[in-house]
N, C-alpha and C. Protein backbone atom coordinates (compact mmCIF):
# COMPACT_ATOMS: atom_id res chain seq x y z
N MET A 1 -6.67 14.34 27.99
CA MET A 1 -6.08 16.12 29.38
C MET A 1 -7.09 16.13 29.78
N THR A 2 -6.57 16.40 31.27
CA THR A 2 -7.40 16.64 32.31
C THR A 2 -7.72 18.16 32.55
N ARG A 3 -9.25 18.32 32.58
CA ARG A 3 -9.55 19.61 32.91
C ARG A 3 -10.31 19.89 34.27
N TYR A 4 -9.68 20.91 34.32
CA TYR A 4 -9.90 21.63 35.58
C TYR A 4 -10.78 23.10 35.78
N TYR A 5 -11.52 23.18 36.62
CA TYR A 5 -12.78 24.05 36.96
C TYR A 5 -12.20 24.96 38.01
N PHE A 6 -12.40 26.11 37.60
CA PHE A 6 -11.90 27.01 39.05
C PHE A 6 -13.42 27.04 39.80
N GLY A 7 -13.42 27.15 41.64
CA GLY A 7 -14.35 26.50 41.98
C GLY A 7 -14.45 26.42 43.40
N THR A 8 -15.28 26.74 44.55
CA THR A 8 -15.34 26.61 46.00
C THR A 8 -15.50 25.25 45.26
N GLY A 9 -14.43 24.09 45.87
CA GLY A 9 -15.15 23.02 46.55
C GLY A 9 -14.93 22.71 47.60
N GLU A 10 -14.77 21.14 48.29
CA GLU A 10 -14.63 20.51 49.96
C GLU A 10 -13.31 21.84 50.45
N GLU A 11 -12.60 21.88 49.79
CA GLU A 11 -10.58 21.91 50.81
C GLU A 11 -10.81 23.94 49.70
N GLY A 12 -12.19 24.90 49.96
CA GLY A 12 -12.16 25.87 49.11
C GLY A 12 -11.96 26.40 47.65
N LEU A 13 -11.82 27.75 47.89
CA LEU A 13 -11.78 28.09 46.64
C LEU A 13 -10.19 27.67 45.94
N GLY A 14 -10.79 27.59 44.46
CA GLY A 14 -9.52 27.33 43.48
C GLY A 14 -9.70 26.04 42.77
N TYR A 15 -8.76 25.54 42.48
CA TYR A 15 -9.05 24.90 41.09
C TYR A 15 -9.27 23.08 41.21
N TYR A 16 -10.34 22.49 40.94
CA TYR A 16 -10.58 21.64 40.87
C TYR A 16 -10.77 20.47 39.95
N ARG A 17 -10.22 19.42 39.27
CA ARG A 17 -10.83 18.17 38.55
C ARG A 17 -11.82 18.60 38.56
N ASP A 18 -12.58 18.34 36.92
CA ASP A 18 -13.82 18.48 36.57
C ASP A 18 -14.48 17.08 36.36
N LEU A 19 -15.07 16.40 37.07
CA LEU A 19 -15.50 15.29 36.89
C LEU A 19 -16.40 14.85 36.16
N ARG A 20 -16.66 15.50 35.60
CA ARG A 20 -17.73 15.48 34.06
C ARG A 20 -17.34 14.84 32.53
N GLN A 21 -15.76 15.32 33.32
CA GLN A 21 -15.00 15.16 32.01
C GLN A 21 -14.19 13.52 32.10
N ARG A 22 -14.79 12.67 31.13
CA ARG A 22 -13.43 11.53 30.89
C ARG A 22 -12.14 11.72 31.05
N ARG A 23 -11.93 10.58 32.39
CA ARG A 23 -10.36 10.28 32.20
C ARG A 23 -9.86 9.93 30.59
N PRO A 24 -8.62 10.29 30.83
CA PRO A 24 -7.70 10.27 29.28
C PRO A 24 -7.46 8.39 29.62
N ASP A 25 -7.52 7.48 28.32
CA ASP A 25 -7.43 6.71 28.52
C ASP A 25 -5.91 6.09 28.85
N ARG A 26 -5.67 4.69 29.36
CA ARG A 26 -3.82 4.67 29.37
C ARG A 26 -3.29 4.45 27.95
N PRO A 27 -2.64 5.04 28.12
CA PRO A 27 -1.81 4.67 26.88
C PRO A 27 -1.06 3.38 26.23
N VAL A 28 -1.65 2.98 24.67
CA VAL A 28 -1.55 1.43 24.31
C VAL A 28 -0.05 1.27 24.05
N LYS A 29 0.44 0.24 24.53
CA LYS A 29 2.23 0.03 23.81
C LYS A 29 1.58 -0.04 22.27
N PRO A 30 3.06 0.29 21.45
CA PRO A 30 2.31 -0.04 20.24
C PRO A 30 2.81 -1.28 20.51
N PRO A 31 2.73 -1.74 19.05
CA PRO A 31 2.80 -3.13 18.37
C PRO A 31 4.14 -3.44 18.52
N GLU A 32 4.31 -4.71 18.15
CA GLU A 32 5.91 -5.18 18.18
C GLU A 32 5.95 -4.73 16.37
N PRO A 33 7.44 -4.23 16.29
CA PRO A 33 7.79 -3.98 14.83
C PRO A 33 8.09 -5.55 14.23
N VAL A 34 7.65 -5.65 12.62
CA VAL A 34 7.54 -6.96 12.33
C VAL A 34 8.89 -6.61 11.19
N PRO A 35 9.56 -7.81 11.47
CA PRO A 35 10.63 -7.45 10.57
C PRO A 35 10.05 -7.35 8.89
N PRO A 36 10.82 -6.61 7.77
CA PRO A 36 10.68 -7.11 6.54
C PRO A 36 10.68 -8.23 6.15
N ALA A 37 9.77 -8.48 5.27
CA ALA A 37 10.11 -9.61 4.26
C ALA A 37 11.26 -9.82 3.67
N GLY A 38 11.54 -8.84 2.95
CA GLY A 38 12.49 -8.59 1.69
C GLY A 38 12.98 -8.26 1.93
N PRO A 39 14.49 -7.25 1.03
CA PRO A 39 15.62 -6.36 0.94
C PRO A 39 14.76 -4.94 1.28
N LEU A 40 15.38 -3.46 1.53
CA LEU A 40 14.38 -3.30 2.09
C LEU A 40 15.19 -1.86 0.44
N VAL A 41 16.06 -2.08 -0.62
CA VAL A 41 16.09 -1.83 -1.48
C VAL A 41 16.19 -2.45 -2.61
N GLU A 42 15.86 -2.39 -3.80
CA GLU A 42 16.07 -3.20 -4.87
C GLU A 42 16.64 -2.46 -6.00
N GLU A 43 17.34 -2.80 -6.72
CA GLU A 43 18.17 -2.09 -8.16
C GLU A 43 17.24 -2.53 -8.92
N VAL A 44 17.22 -1.49 -9.64
CA VAL A 44 16.10 -1.74 -10.92
C VAL A 44 17.01 -1.05 -12.45
N GLU A 45 17.08 -1.32 -13.34
CA GLU A 45 17.85 -0.90 -14.32
C GLU A 45 16.69 0.05 -14.86
N PRO A 46 18.18 1.46 -15.25
CA PRO A 46 17.45 2.93 -15.51
C PRO A 46 16.73 2.29 -17.06
N ARG A 47 15.26 2.79 -17.02
CA ARG A 47 14.10 3.00 -18.14
C ARG A 47 14.50 4.51 -18.44
N TYR A 48 14.91 5.03 -20.19
CA TYR A 48 15.09 6.19 -20.31
C TYR A 48 13.76 6.51 -21.73
N ALA A 49 12.92 7.87 -21.53
CA ALA A 49 11.82 7.55 -21.97
C ALA A 49 12.20 8.68 -23.30
N GLU A 50 11.52 8.15 -24.46
CA GLU A 50 12.01 8.79 -25.71
C GLU A 50 12.02 10.46 -26.38
N LEU A 51 12.86 11.17 -25.88
CA LEU A 51 13.05 12.29 -26.03
C LEU A 51 12.15 12.78 -27.53
N PRO A 52 11.13 13.64 -27.04
CA PRO A 52 10.67 14.83 -28.49
C PRO A 52 11.98 15.06 -29.32
N ALA A 53 11.60 15.11 -30.76
CA ALA A 53 12.26 15.93 -31.51
C ALA A 53 13.11 16.48 -31.40
N TYR A 54 12.33 17.94 -31.17
CA TYR A 54 13.09 19.49 -30.62
C TYR A 54 13.84 18.93 -29.12
N ALA A 55 13.87 18.13 -28.30
CA ALA A 55 14.65 17.98 -27.12
C ALA A 55 15.66 16.96 -27.68
N ALA A 56 15.74 16.13 -28.77
CA ALA A 56 16.98 15.55 -29.06
C ALA A 56 17.92 15.95 -29.91
N ARG A 57 17.21 17.06 -30.42
CA ARG A 57 18.17 18.00 -31.07
C ARG A 57 19.11 18.88 -30.87
N TYR A 58 18.23 19.58 -29.51
CA TYR A 58 18.71 20.21 -28.47
C TYR A 58 20.39 19.79 -27.71
N LEU A 59 20.18 18.19 -27.25
CA LEU A 59 20.78 17.94 -26.86
C LEU A 59 21.95 17.23 -27.83
N GLU A 60 21.41 17.39 -29.42
CA GLU A 60 22.82 16.44 -29.92
C GLU A 60 23.52 17.76 -30.46
N GLU A 61 22.96 19.62 -31.08
CA GLU A 61 24.22 20.33 -31.11
C GLU A 61 24.83 20.29 -30.10
N PRO A 62 26.13 20.86 -31.19
CA PRO A 62 26.70 21.88 -30.31
C PRO A 62 26.79 23.04 -28.66
N TRP A 63 27.23 23.42 -27.43
CA TRP A 63 26.85 23.88 -27.10
C TRP A 63 27.35 24.97 -26.93
N ASN A 64 28.59 25.22 -28.38
CA ASN A 64 28.95 26.61 -28.37
C ASN A 64 27.80 27.63 -29.47
N SER A 65 27.10 26.56 -29.88
CA SER A 65 26.41 26.92 -31.59
C SER A 65 24.77 27.73 -30.85
N LEU A 66 24.73 27.07 -29.78
CA LEU A 66 23.93 27.41 -28.76
C LEU A 66 23.48 28.53 -28.46
N VAL A 67 24.91 29.39 -27.79
CA VAL A 67 24.62 31.16 -27.58
C VAL A 67 24.95 31.26 -28.29
N ARG A 68 23.76 32.57 -28.62
CA ARG A 68 24.00 33.34 -29.27
C ARG A 68 24.67 35.03 -29.60
N THR A 69 25.30 35.34 -29.42
CA THR A 69 25.47 36.52 -29.04
C THR A 69 24.95 37.76 -30.46
C-alpha cells in the first residue's frame, strides 16, 4: 500500500508519496495448478459403530410405545 503525507513539497501544499516507505512488491504470479494424481472422490464402504445397549433398545422398541400420555 502506498503511503502519502500532507506537506509542502516542490509543487506546494498537498499530498506527497512518503519516500521513506518501501514500495510494494510486484504481484507474484500464482504457480500453475498441478493436476491431481488420482480420483477426486473415492467411494468407501460405510462402517457403523456398535450402539450402546440403551440406544439399541430404543431403536428396537415400537415408536408408539415410546410416547407416553
